[in-house]
Amino acid sequence: MEVMTDRQSVAANGTVANAITGKIHEFLQGPSRVRLYVTASVVGLNVSFLIGSRTFMQDQEVSAQNRLPIVPDDWVVDGGGIAGQRVVVQYRNTTGGAITAFSRVEVYQVR
């Protein structure tokens, strides 16, 4: 299992195109199952989860736990993909103030 974590501020009424851009496992190395865990500092943050061209979750509200995600409590969705596909975690802030987004992405190679 490979793990990617991220914590970043999402500006008021702003978006983050991909929270894991530049991380080593952003692009899948082979057939994989990918799990997403997400929390936010306050209410008003939405998340979308894509692998390649497939959307597994679109613009859904995030739990306001104000901490890094805990496994398994903060699991949101999982999906699958093949080698070369990009994992995308998009955030959208629906409020007038900045929100901190916390994410954990686990990649399980399927053999």
PDB file of N, CA and C in Angstrom:
ATOM      1  N   MET A   1       0.849  -1.181   0.000  1.00  0.00           N
ATOM      2  CA  MET A   1       0.000   0.000   0.000  1.00  0.00           C
ATOM      3  C   MET A   1       0.891   1.239   0.000  1.00  0.00           C
ATOM      4  N   GLU A   2       0.533   2.183  -0.846  1.00  0.00           N
ATOM      5  CA  GLU A   2       1.182   3.483  -0.866  1.00  0.00           C
ATOM      6  C   GLU A   2       0.206   4.503  -0.282  1.00  0.00           C
ATOM      7  N   VAL A   3       0.729   5.478   0.457  1.00  0.00           N
ATOM      8  CA  VAL A   3      -0.120   6.476   1.112  1.00  0.00           C
ATOM      9  C   VAL A   3       0.331   7.876   0.707  1.00  0.00           C
ATOM     10  N   MET A   4      -0.639   8.717   0.381  1.00  0.00           N
ATOM     11  CA  MET A   4      -0.376  10.134   0.118  1.00  0.00           C
ATOM     12  C   MET A   4      -1.271  10.935   1.053  1.00  0.00           C
ATOM     13  N   THR A   5      -0.709  11.886   1.770  1.00  0.00           N
ATOM     14  CA  THR A   5      -1.501  12.764   2.629  1.00  0.00           C
ATOM     15  C   THR A   5      -1.289  14.203   2.200  1.00  0.00           C
ATOM     16  N   ASP A   6      -2.257  15.042   2.536  1.00  0.00           N
ATOM     17  CA  ASP A   6      -2.161  16.450   2.165  1.00  0.00           C
ATOM     18  C   ASP A   6      -2.994  17.290   3.116  1.00  0.00           C
ATOM     19  N   ARG A   7      -2.503  18.491   3.376  1.00  0.00           N
ATOM     20  CA  ARG A   7      -3.250  19.483   4.157  1.00  0.00           C
ATOM     21  C   ARG A   7      -3.015  20.814   3.461  1.00  0.00           C
ATOM     22  N   GLN A   8      -4.106  21.457   3.084  1.00  0.00           N
ATOM     23  CA  GLN A   8      -3.950  22.756   2.425  1.00  0.00           C
ATOM     24  C   GLN A   8      -5.177  23.618   2.600  1.00  0.00           C
ATOM     25  N   SER A   9      -4.950  24.906   2.473  1.00  0.00           N
ATOM     26  CA  SER A   9      -6.027  25.880   2.605  1.00  0.00           C
ATOM     27  C   SER A   9      -6.713  26.069   1.255  1.00  0.00           C
ATOM     28  N   VAL A  10      -8.039  26.054   1.293  1.00  0.00           N
ATOM     29  CA  VAL A  10      -8.831  26.323   0.095  1.00  0.00           C
ATOM     30  C   VAL A  10      -9.445  27.706   0.286  1.00  0.00           C
ATOM     31  N   ALA A  11      -9.098  28.632  -0.571  1.00  0.00           N
ATOM     32  CA  ALA A  11      -9.531  30.021  -0.439  1.00  0.00           C
ATOM     33  C   ALA A  11     -11.051  30.153  -0.503  1.00  0.00           C
ATOM     34  N   ALA A  12     -11.548  31.249   0.050  1.00  0.00           N
ATOM     35  CA  ALA A  12     -12.984  31.546   0.036  1.00  0.00           C
ATOM     36  C   ALA A  12     -13.531  31.443  -1.381  1.00  0.00           C
ATOM     37  N   ASN A  13     -14.605  30.668  -1.548  1.00  0.00           N
ATOM     38  CA  ASN A  13     -15.234  30.458  -2.849  1.00  0.00           C
ATOM     39  C   ASN A  13     -14.259  29.961  -3.911  1.00  0.00           C
ATOM     40  N   GLY A  14     -13.167  29.327  -3.472  1.00  0.00           N
ATOM     41  CA  GLY A  14     -12.139  28.862  -4.393  1.00  0.00           C
ATOM     42  C   GLY A  14     -12.185  27.361  -4.612  1.00  0.00           C
ATOM     43  N   THR A  15     -11.313  26.899  -5.492  1.00  0.00           N
ATOM     44  CA  THR A  15     -11.193  25.477  -5.776  1.00  0.00           C
ATOM     45  C   THR A  15      -9.726  25.067  -5.775  1.00  0.00           C
ATOM     46  N   VAL A  16      -9.499  23.788  -5.565  1.00  0.00           N
ATOM     47  CA  VAL A  16      -8.186  23.174  -5.730  1.00  0.00           C
ATOM     48  C   VAL A  16      -8.382  22.094  -6.786  1.00  0.00           C
ATOM     49  N   ALA A  17      -7.688  22.221  -7.912  1.00  0.00           N
ATOM     50  CA  ALA A  17      -7.889  21.305  -9.036  1.00  0.00           C
ATOM     51  C   ALA A  17      -7.483  19.875  -8.702  1.00  0.00           C
ATOM     52  N   ASN A  18      -6.380  19.704  -7.969  1.00  0.00           N
ATOM     53  CA  ASN A  18      -5.954  18.367  -7.549  1.00  0.00           C
ATOM     54  C   ASN A  18      -5.038  18.496  -6.338  1.00  0.00           C
ATOM     55  N   ALA A  19      -5.519  18.031  -5.200  1.00  0.00           N
ATOM     56  CA  ALA A  19      -4.771  18.152  -3.954  1.00  0.00           C
ATOM     57  C   ALA A  19      -3.508  17.301  -3.937  1.00  0.00           C
ATOM     58  N   ILE A  20      -3.419  16.295  -4.805  1.00  0.00           N
ATOM     59  CA  ILE A  20      -2.230  15.433  -4.774  1.00  0.00           C
ATOM     60  C   ILE A  20      -1.316  15.641  -5.989  1.00  0.00           C
ATOM     61  N   THR A  21      -1.456  16.753  -6.670  1.00  0.00           N
ATOM     62  CA  THR A  21      -0.578  17.061  -7.795  1.00  0.00           C
ATOM     63  C   THR A  21       0.874  17.040  -7.336  1.00  0.00           C
ATOM     64  N   GLY A  22       1.705  16.344  -8.087  1.00  0.00           N
ATOM     65  CA  GLY A  22       3.128  16.280  -7.798  1.00  0.00           C
ATOM     66  C   GLY A  22       3.534  15.180  -6.836  1.00  0.00           C
ATOM     67  N   LYS A  23       2.572  14.495  -6.253  1.00  0.00           N
ATOM     68  CA  LYS A  23       2.906  13.395  -5.347  1.00  0.00           C
ATOM     69  C   LYS A  23       3.327  12.178  -6.178  1.00  0.00           C
ATOM     70  N   ILE A  24       4.160  11.345  -5.597  1.00  0.00           N
ATOM     71  CA  ILE A  24       4.772  10.241  -6.340  1.00  0.00           C
ATOM     72  C   ILE A  24       3.774   9.234  -6.897  1.00  0.00           C
ATOM     73  N   HIS A  25       2.637   9.056  -6.248  1.00  0.00           N
ATOM     74  CA  HIS A  25       1.650   8.076  -6.721  1.00  0.00           C
ATOM     75  C   HIS A  25       0.417   8.732  -7.334  1.00  0.00           C
ATOM     76  N   GLU A  26       0.575   9.974  -7.805  1.00  0.00           N
ATOM     77  CA  GLU A  26      -0.533  10.668  -8.480  1.00  0.00           C
ATOM     78  C   GLU A  26      -0.991   9.878  -9.710  1.00  0.00           C
ATOM     79  N   PHE A  27      -0.047   9.264 -10.409  1.00  0.00           N
ATOM     80  CA  PHE A  27      -0.354   8.429 -11.563  1.00  0.00           C
ATOM     81  C   PHE A  27      -0.155   6.968 -11.168  1.00  0.00           C
ATOM     82  N   LEU A  28      -1.167   6.147 -11.401  1.00  0.00           N
ATOM     83  CA  LEU A  28      -1.108   4.750 -10.986  1.00  0.00           C
ATOM     84  C   LEU A  28      -0.021   3.989 -11.745  1.00  0.00           C
ATOM     85  N   GLN A  29       0.673   3.098 -11.031  1.00  0.00           N
ATOM     86  CA  GLN A  29       1.757   2.305 -11.617  1.00  0.00           C
ATOM     87  C   GLN A  29       1.267   0.990 -12.222  1.00  0.00           C
ATOM     88  N   GLY A  30       0.059   0.597 -11.872  1.00  0.00           N
ATOM     89  CA  GLY A  30      -0.520  -0.647 -12.370  1.00  0.00           C
ATOM     90  C   GLY A  30      -1.971  -0.719 -11.933  1.00  0.00           C
ATOM     91  N   PRO A  31      -2.641  -1.838 -12.185  1.00  0.00           N
ATOM     92  CA  PRO A  31      -4.023  -1.979 -11.719  1.00  0.00           C
ATOM     93  C   PRO A  31      -4.079  -1.749 -10.210  1.00  0.00           C
ATOM     94  N   SER A  32      -4.969  -0.870  -9.776  1.00  0.00           N
ATOM     95  CA  SER A  32      -4.977  -0.465  -8.367  1.00  0.00           C
ATOM     96  C   SER A  32      -6.380  -0.186  -7.855  1.00  0.00           C
ATOM     97  N   ARG A  33      -6.515  -0.336  -6.556  1.00  0.00           N
ATOM     98  CA  ARG A  33      -7.699   0.109  -5.826  1.00  0.00           C
ATOM     99  C   ARG A  33      -7.254   1.317  -5.011  1.00  0.00           C
ATOM    100  N   VAL A  34      -8.043   2.383  -5.055  1.00  0.00           N
ATOM    101  CA  VAL A  34      -7.660   3.633  -4.392  1.00  0.00           C
ATOM    102  C   VAL A  34      -8.753   4.022  -3.404  1.00  0.00           C
ATOM    103  N   ARG A  35      -8.345   4.309  -2.161  1.00  0.00           N
ATOM    104  CA  ARG A  35      -9.291   4.720  -1.116  1.00  0.00           C
ATOM    105  C   ARG A  35      -9.026   6.171  -0.740  1.00  0.00           C
ATOM    106  N   LEU A  36     -10.106   6.921  -0.528  1.00  0.00           N
ATOM    107  CA  LEU A  36     -10.005   8.339  -0.161  1.00  0.00           C
ATOM    108  C   LEU A  36     -10.609   8.566   1.220  1.00  0.00           C
ATOM    109  N   TYR A  37      -9.842   9.246   2.071  1.00  0.00           N
ATOM    110  CA  TYR A  37     -10.293   9.681   3.394  1.00  0.00           C
ATOM    111  C   TYR A  37     -10.163  11.201   3.408  1.00  0.00           C
ATOM    112  N   VAL A  38     -11.199  11.912   3.858  1.00  0.00           N
ATOM    113  CA  VAL A  38     -11.188  13.378   3.808  1.00  0.00           C
ATOM    114  C   VAL A  38     -11.861  13.963   5.041  1.00  0.00           C
ATOM    115  N   THR A  39     -11.309  15.080   5.540  1.00  0.00           N
ATOM    116  CA  THR A  39     -11.947  15.901   6.562  1.00  0.00           C
ATOM    117  C   THR A  39     -11.650  17.370   6.242  1.00  0.00           C
ATOM    118  N   ALA A  40     -12.358  18.263   6.927  1.00  0.00           N
ATOM    119  CA  ALA A  40     -12.151  19.701   6.734  1.00  0.00           C
ATOM    120  C   ALA A  40     -12.154  20.396   8.085  1.00  0.00           C
ATOM    121  N   SER A  41     -11.635  21.618   8.106  1.00  0.00           N
ATOM    122  CA  SER A  41     -11.567  22.372   9.358  1.00  0.00           C
ATOM    123  C   SER A  41     -12.936  22.891   9.802  1.00  0.00           C
ATOM    124  N   VAL A  42     -13.811  23.176   8.854  1.00  0.00           N
ATOM    125  CA  VAL A  42     -15.180  23.643   9.143  1.00  0.00           C
ATOM    126  C   VAL A  42     -16.107  23.163   8.030  1.00  0.00           C
ATOM    127  N   VAL A  43     -17.413  23.356   8.216  1.00  0.00           N
ATOM    128  CA  VAL A  43     -18.366  22.966   7.169  1.00  0.00           C
ATOM    129  C   VAL A  43     -18.235  23.901   5.965  1.00  0.00           C
ATOM    130  N   GLY A  44     -18.636  23.392   4.804  1.00  0.00           N
ATOM    131  CA  GLY A  44     -18.640  24.219   3.602  1.00  0.00           C
ATOM    132  C   GLY A  44     -17.654  23.786   2.544  1.00  0.00           C
ATOM    133  N   LEU A  45     -16.978  22.647   2.762  1.00  0.00           N
ATOM    134  CA  LEU A  45     -16.022  22.157   1.773  1.00  0.00           C
ATOM    135  C   LEU A  45     -16.613  20.944   1.063  1.00  0.00           C
ATOM    136  N   ASN A  46     -16.523  20.934  -0.264  1.00  0.00           N
ATOM    137  CA  ASN A  46     -16.989  19.810  -1.070  1.00  0.00           C
ATOM    138  C   ASN A  46     -15.805  19.157  -1.762  1.00  0.00           C
ATOM    139  N   VAL A  47     -15.918  17.851  -2.053  1.00  0.00           N
ATOM    140  CA  VAL A  47     -14.831  17.106  -2.689  1.00  0.00           C
ATOM    141  C   VAL A  47     -15.360  16.298  -3.865  1.00  0.00           C
ATOM    142  N   SER A  48     -14.512  16.162  -4.882  1.00  0.00           N
ATOM    143  CA  SER A  48     -14.770  15.267  -6.010  1.00  0.00           C
ATOM    144  C   SER A  48     -13.567  14.345  -6.125  1.00  0.00           C
ATOM    145  N   PHE A  49     -13.814  13.086  -6.547  1.00  0.00           N
ATOM    146  CA  PHE A  49     -12.764  12.076  -6.639  1.00  0.00           C
ATOM    147  C   PHE A  49     -12.844  11.400  -7.993  1.00  0.00           C
ATOM    148  N   LEU A  50     -11.752  11.481  -8.747  1.00  0.00           N
ATOM    149  CA  LEU A  50     -11.701  10.917 -10.088  1.00  0.00           C
ATOM    150  C   LEU A  50     -10.452  10.060 -10.246  1.00  0.00           C
ATOM    151  N   ILE A  51     -10.569   9.012 -11.066  1.00  0.00           N
ATOM    152  CA  ILE A  51      -9.417   8.223 -11.484  1.00  0.00           C
ATOM    153  C   ILE A  51      -9.524   8.101 -12.990  1.00  0.00           C
ATOM    154  N   GLY A  52      -8.518   8.627 -13.686  1.00  0.00           N
ATOM    155  CA  GLY A  52      -8.594   8.669 -15.141  1.00  0.00           C
ATOM    156  C   GLY A  52      -9.770   9.532 -15.551  1.00  0.00           C
ATOM    157  N   SER A  53     -10.619   9.013 -16.434  1.00  0.00           N
ATOM    158  CA  SER A  53     -11.794   9.772 -16.876  1.00  0.00           C
ATOM    159  C   SER A  53     -13.060   9.391 -16.117  1.00  0.00           C
ATOM    160  N   ARG A  54     -12.912   8.554 -15.098  1.00  0.00           N
ATOM    161  CA  ARG A  54     -14.085   8.090 -14.346  1.00  0.00           C
ATOM    162  C   ARG A  54     -14.246   8.865 -13.042  1.00  0.00           C
ATOM    163  N   THR A  55     -15.458   9.357 -12.807  1.00  0.00           N
ATOM    164  CA  THR A  55     -15.774  10.090 -11.588  1.00  0.00           C
ATOM    165  C   THR A  55     -16.419   9.136 -10.590  1.00  0.00           C
ATOM    166  N   PHE A  56     -15.797   9.004  -9.409  1.00  0.00           N
ATOM    167  CA  PHE A  56     -16.333   8.118  -8.373  1.00  0.00           C
ATOM    168  C   PHE A  56     -17.172   8.894  -7.358  1.00  0.00           C
ATOM    169  N   MET A  57     -16.934  10.192  -7.241  1.00  0.00           N
ATOM    170  CA  MET A  57     -17.725  11.037  -6.354  1.00  0.00           C
ATOM    171  C   MET A  57     -17.615  12.465  -6.870  1.00  0.00           C
ATOM    172  N   GLN A  58     -18.738  13.196  -6.904  1.00  0.00           N
ATOM    173  CA  GLN A  58     -18.703  14.549  -7.431  1.00  0.00           C
ATOM    174  C   GLN A  58     -19.317  15.534  -6.458  1.00  0.00           C
ATOM    175  N   ASP A  59     -18.513  16.502  -6.033  1.00  0.00           N
ATOM    176  CA  ASP A  59     -18.952  17.686  -5.291  1.00  0.00           C
ATOM    177  C   ASP A  59     -19.799  17.355  -4.055  1.00  0.00           C
ATOM    178  N   GLN A  60     -19.280  16.487  -3.204  1.00  0.00           N
ATOM    179  CA  GLN A  60     -19.993  16.068  -1.992  1.00  0.00           C
ATOM    180  C   GLN A  60     -19.411  16.742  -0.753  1.00  0.00           C
ATOM    181  N   GLU A  61     -20.257  17.034   0.206  1.00  0.00           N
ATOM    182  CA  GLU A  61     -19.878  17.693   1.455  1.00  0.00           C
ATOM    183  C   GLU A  61     -18.862  16.851   2.239  1.00  0.00           C
ATOM    184  N   VAL A  62     -17.916  17.538   2.866  1.00  0.00           N
ATOM    185  CA  VAL A  62     -16.857  16.908   3.655  1.00  0.00           C
ATOM    186  C   VAL A  62     -17.145  17.086   5.144  1.00  0.00           C
ATOM    187  N   SER A  63     -16.834  16.070   5.922  1.00  0.00           N
ATOM    188  CA  SER A  63     -16.999  16.118   7.373  1.00  0.00           C
ATOM    189  C   SER A  63     -16.069  17.162   7.993  1.00  0.00           C
ATOM    190  N   ALA A  64     -16.589  17.944   8.931  1.00  0.00           N
ATOM    191  CA  ALA A  64     -15.810  19.013   9.571  1.00  0.00           C
ATOM    192  C   ALA A  64     -15.215  18.528  10.889  1.00  0.00           C
ATOM    193  N   GLN A  65     -14.190  17.694  10.823  1.00  0.00           N
ATOM    194  CA  GLN A  65     -13.552  17.154  12.022  1.00  0.00           C
ATOM    195  C   GLN A  65     -12.341  17.961  12.475  1.00  0.00           C
ATOM    196  N   ASN A  66     -11.816  18.837  11.613  1.00  0.00           N
ATOM    197  CA  ASN A  66     -10.677  19.704  11.915  1.00  0.00           C
ATOM    198  C   ASN A  66      -9.451  18.916  12.387  1.00  0.00           C
ATOM    199  N   ARG A  67      -9.118  17.871  11.634  1.00  0.00           N
ATOM    200  CA  ARG A  67      -7.935  17.051  11.913  1.00  0.00           C
ATOM    201  C   ARG A  67      -7.643  16.191  10.685  1.00  0.00           C
ATOM    202  N   LEU A  68      -6.449  15.603  10.676  1.00  0.00           N
ATOM    203  CA  LEU A  68      -6.139  14.658   9.608  1.00  0.00           C
ATOM    204  C   LEU A  68      -7.110  13.485   9.687  1.00  0.00           C
ATOM    205  N   PRO A  69      -7.465  12.900   8.550  1.00  0.00           N
ATOM    206  CA  PRO A  69      -8.402  11.781   8.546  1.00  0.00           C
ATOM    207  C   PRO A  69      -7.895  10.589   9.353  1.00  0.00           C
ATOM    208  N   ILE A  70      -8.820   9.925  10.029  1.00  0.00           N
ATOM    209  CA  ILE A  70      -8.532   8.716  10.793  1.00  0.00           C
ATOM    210  C   ILE A  70      -9.091   7.524  10.019  1.00  0.00           C
ATOM    211  N   VAL A  71      -8.271   6.484   9.916  1.00  0.00           N
ATOM    212  CA  VAL A  71      -8.694   5.248   9.251  1.00  0.00           C
ATOM    213  C   VAL A  71      -9.311   4.346  10.309  1.00  0.00           C
ATOM    214  N   PRO A  72     -10.489   3.790  10.096  1.00  0.00           N
ATOM    215  CA  PRO A  72     -11.368   3.863   8.924  1.00  0.00           C
ATOM    216  C   PRO A  72     -12.460   4.918   9.046  1.00  0.00           C
ATOM    217  N   ASP A  73     -12.500   5.676  10.126  1.00  0.00           N
ATOM    218  CA  ASP A  73     -13.616   6.581  10.423  1.00  0.00           C
ATOM    219  C   ASP A  73     -13.934   7.584   9.311  1.00  0.00           C
ATOM    220  N   ASP A  74     -12.919   8.130   8.660  1.00  0.00           N
ATOM    221  CA  ASP A  74     -13.126   9.211   7.703  1.00  0.00           C
ATOM    222  C   ASP A  74     -13.057   8.754   6.247  1.00  0.00           C
ATOM    223  N   TRP A  75     -13.258   7.444   6.020  1.00  0.00           N
ATOM    224  CA  TRP A  75     -13.301   6.918   4.661  1.00  0.00           C
ATOM    225  C   TRP A  75     -14.506   7.515   3.945  1.00  0.00           C
ATOM    226  N   VAL A  76     -14.297   7.926   2.698  1.00  0.00           N
ATOM    227  CA  VAL A  76     -15.360   8.543   1.915  1.00  0.00           C
ATOM    228  C   VAL A  76     -15.758   7.672   0.728  1.00  0.00           C
ATOM    229  N   VAL A  77     -14.784   7.261  -0.067  1.00  0.00           N
ATOM    230  CA  VAL A  77     -15.079   6.511  -1.293  1.00  0.00           C
ATOM    231  C   VAL A  77     -13.815   5.775  -1.739  1.00  0.00           C
ATOM    232  N   ASP A  78     -14.007   4.742  -2.539  1.00  0.00           N
ATOM    233  CA  ASP A  78     -12.865   4.120  -3.189  1.00  0.00           C
ATOM    234  C   ASP A  78     -13.222   3.800  -4.628  1.00  0.00           C
ATOM    235  N   GLY A  79     -12.195   3.590  -5.430  1.00  0.00           N
ATOM    236  CA  GLY A  79     -12.398   3.297  -6.835  1.00  0.00           C
ATOM    237  C   GLY A  79     -11.200   2.557  -7.376  1.00  0.00           C
ATOM    238  N   GLY A  80     -11.257   2.191  -8.639  1.00  0.00           N
ATOM    239  CA  GLY A  80     -10.174   1.449  -9.252  1.00  0.00           C
ATOM    240  C   GLY A  80      -9.685   2.094 -10.522  1.00  0.00           C
ATOM    241  N   GLY A  81      -8.451   1.736 -10.868  1.00  0.00           N
ATOM    242  CA  GLY A  81      -7.877   2.271 -12.089  1.00  0.00           C
ATOM    243  C   GLY A  81      -6.758   1.391 -12.592  1.00  0.00           C
ATOM    244  N   ILE A  82      -6.219   1.742 -13.743  1.00  0.00           N
ATOM    245  CA  ILE A  82      -5.140   0.972 -14.357  1.00  0.00           C
ATOM    246  C   ILE A  82      -3.905   1.857 -14.519  1.00  0.00           C
ATOM    247  N   ALA A  83      -2.818   1.240 -14.939  1.00  0.00           N
ATOM    248  CA  ALA A  83      -1.537   1.944 -15.077  1.00  0.00           C
ATOM    249  C   ALA A  83      -1.677   3.205 -15.922  1.00  0.00           C
ATOM    250  N   GLY A  84      -1.071   4.264 -15.438  1.00  0.00           N
ATOM    251  CA  GLY A  84      -1.049   5.530 -16.161  1.00  0.00           C
ATOM    252  C   GLY A  84      -2.191   6.470 -15.857  1.00  0.00           C
ATOM    253  N   GLN A  85      -3.253   5.978 -15.228  1.00  0.00           N
ATOM    254  CA  GLN A  85      -4.384   6.856 -14.920  1.00  0.00           C
ATOM    255  C   GLN A  85      -4.034   7.773 -13.745  1.00  0.00           C
ATOM    256  N   ARG A  86      -4.548   8.983 -13.823  1.00  0.00           N
ATOM    257  CA  ARG A  86      -4.288   9.997 -12.806  1.00  0.00           C
ATOM    258  C   ARG A  86      -5.358   9.964 -11.724  1.00  0.00           C
ATOM    259  N   VAL A  87      -4.916  10.048 -10.465  1.00  0.00           N
ATOM    260  CA  VAL A  87      -5.830  10.144  -9.327  1.00  0.00           C
ATOM    261  C   VAL A  87      -6.031  11.630  -9.043  1.00  0.00           C
ATOM    262  N   VAL A  88      -7.284  12.068  -8.970  1.00  0.00           N
ATOM    263  CA  VAL A  88      -7.595  13.482  -8.768  1.00  0.00           C
ATOM    264  C   VAL A  88      -8.513  13.652  -7.556  1.00  0.00           C
ATOM    265  N   VAL A  89      -8.107  14.531  -6.639  1.00  0.00           N
ATOM    266  CA  VAL A  89      -8.918  14.897  -5.477  1.00  0.00           C
ATOM    267  C   VAL A  89      -9.148  16.407  -5.581  1.00  0.00           C
ATOM    268  N   GLN A  90     -10.355  16.806  -5.983  1.00  0.00           N
ATOM    269  CA  GLN A  90     -10.687  18.215  -6.181  1.00  0.00           C
ATOM    270  C   GLN A  90     -11.481  18.733  -4.990  1.00  0.00           C
ATOM    271  N   TYR A  91     -11.155  19.960  -4.563  1.00  0.00           N
ATOM    272  CA  TYR A  91     -11.894  20.597  -3.475  1.00  0.00           C
ATOM    273  C   TYR A  91     -12.574  21.862  -3.984  1.00  0.00           C
ATOM    274  N   ARG A  92     -13.770  22.153  -3.429  1.00  0.00           N
ATOM    275  CA  ARG A  92     -14.478  23.394  -3.728  1.00  0.00           C
ATOM    276  C   ARG A  92     -15.002  23.975  -2.428  1.00  0.00           C
ATOM    277  N   ASN A  93     -14.594  25.196  -2.139  1.00  0.00           N
ATOM    278  CA  ASN A  93     -15.032  25.909  -0.936  1.00  0.00           C
ATOM    279  C   ASN A  93     -16.319  26.654  -1.265  1.00  0.00           C
ATOM    280  N   THR A  94     -17.373  26.382  -0.512  1.00  0.00           N
ATOM    281  CA  THR A  94     -18.671  27.015  -0.766  1.00  0.00           C
ATOM    282  C   THR A  94     -18.937  28.197   0.150  1.00  0.00           C
ATOM    283  N   THR A  95     -17.934  28.628   0.924  1.00  0.00           N
ATOM    284  CA  THR A  95     -18.131  29.677   1.918  1.00  0.00           C
ATOM    285  C   THR A  95     -17.345  30.944   1.584  1.00  0.00           C
ATOM    286  N   GLY A  96     -17.501  31.941   2.427  1.00  0.00           N
ATOM    287  CA  GLY A  96     -16.810  33.211   2.266  1.00  0.00           C
ATOM    288  C   GLY A  96     -15.503  33.286   3.035  1.00  0.00           C
ATOM    289  N   GLY A  97     -15.031  32.166   3.605  1.00  0.00           N
ATOM    290  CA  GLY A  97     -13.764  32.149   4.343  1.00  0.00           C
ATOM    291  C   GLY A  97     -12.928  30.949   3.944  1.00  0.00           C
ATOM    292  N   ALA A  98     -11.638  31.038   4.196  1.00  0.00           N
ATOM    293  CA  ALA A  98     -10.742  29.928   3.860  1.00  0.00           C
ATOM    294  C   ALA A  98     -11.047  28.702   4.728  1.00  0.00           C
ATOM    295  N   ILE A  99     -10.885  27.515   4.145  1.00  0.00           N
ATOM    296  CA  ILE A  99     -11.104  26.247   4.842  1.00  0.00           C
ATOM    297  C   ILE A  99      -9.884  25.360   4.612  1.00  0.00           C
ATOM    298  N   THR A 100      -9.432  24.699   5.670  1.00  0.00           N
ATOM    299  CA  THR A 100      -8.336  23.754   5.526  1.00  0.00           C
ATOM    300  C   THR A 100      -8.904  22.382   5.184  1.00  0.00           C
ATOM    301  N   ALA A 101      -8.368  21.791   4.117  1.00  0.00           N
ATOM    302  CA  ALA A 101      -8.772  20.455   3.677  1.00  0.00           C
ATOM    303  C   ALA A 101      -7.679  19.468   4.067  1.00  0.00           C
ATOM    304  N   PHE A 102      -8.084  18.339   4.620  1.00  0.00           N
ATOM    305  CA  PHE A 102      -7.160  17.277   5.011  1.00  0.00           C
ATOM    306  C   PHE A 102      -7.511  16.030   4.200  1.00  0.00           C
ATOM    307  N   SER A 103      -6.527  15.419   3.551  1.00  0.00           N
ATOM    308  CA  SER A 103      -6.826  14.224   2.773  1.00  0.00           C
ATOM    309  C   SER A 103      -5.771  13.140   2.984  1.00  0.00           C
ATOM    310  N   ARG A 104      -6.227  11.905   2.812  1.00  0.00           N
ATOM    311  CA  ARG A 104      -5.371  10.720   2.832  1.00  0.00           C
ATOM    312  C   ARG A 104      -5.838   9.830   1.684  1.00  0.00           C
ATOM    313  N   VAL A 105      -4.909   9.472   0.817  1.00  0.00           N
ATOM    314  CA  VAL A 105      -5.206   8.608  -0.320  1.00  0.00           C
ATOM    315  C   VAL A 105      -4.337   7.366  -0.192  1.00  0.00           C
ATOM    316  N   GLU A 106      -4.980   6.201  -0.216  1.00  0.00           N
ATOM    317  CA  GLU A 106      -4.257   4.931  -0.141  1.00  0.00           C
ATOM    318  C   GLU A 106      -4.389   4.227  -1.485  1.00  0.00           C
ATOM    319  N   VAL A 107      -3.258   3.782  -2.022  1.00  0.00           N
ATOM    320  CA  VAL A 107      -3.234   3.079  -3.310  1.00  0.00           C
ATOM    321  C   VAL A 107      -2.804   1.643  -3.046  1.00  0.00           C
ATOM    322  N   TYR A 108      -3.673   0.709  -3.406  1.00  0.00           N
ATOM    323  CA  TYR A 108      -3.404  -0.726  -3.252  1.00  0.00           C
ATOM    324  C   TYR A 108      -3.204  -1.334  -4.639  1.00  0.00           C
ATOM    325  N   GLN A 109      -1.998  -1.826  -4.909  1.00  0.00           N
ATOM    326  CA  GLN A 109      -1.744  -2.503  -6.175  1.00  0.00           C
ATOM    327  C   GLN A 109      -2.514  -3.814  -6.207  1.00  0.00           C
ATOM    328  N   VAL A 110      -3.214  -4.082  -7.301  1.00  0.00           N
ATOM    329  CA  VAL A 110      -3.962  -5.327  -7.472  1.00  0.00           C
ATOM    330  C   VAL A 110      -3.073  -6.264  -8.271  1.00  0.00           C
ATOM    331  N   ARG A 111      -2.827  -7.433  -7.733  1.00  0.00           N
ATOM    332  CA  ARG A 111      -1.929  -8.382  -8.421  1.00  0.00           C
ATOM    333  C   ARG A 111      -2.657  -9.634  -8.781  1.00  0.00           C
TER     334      ARG A 111
END
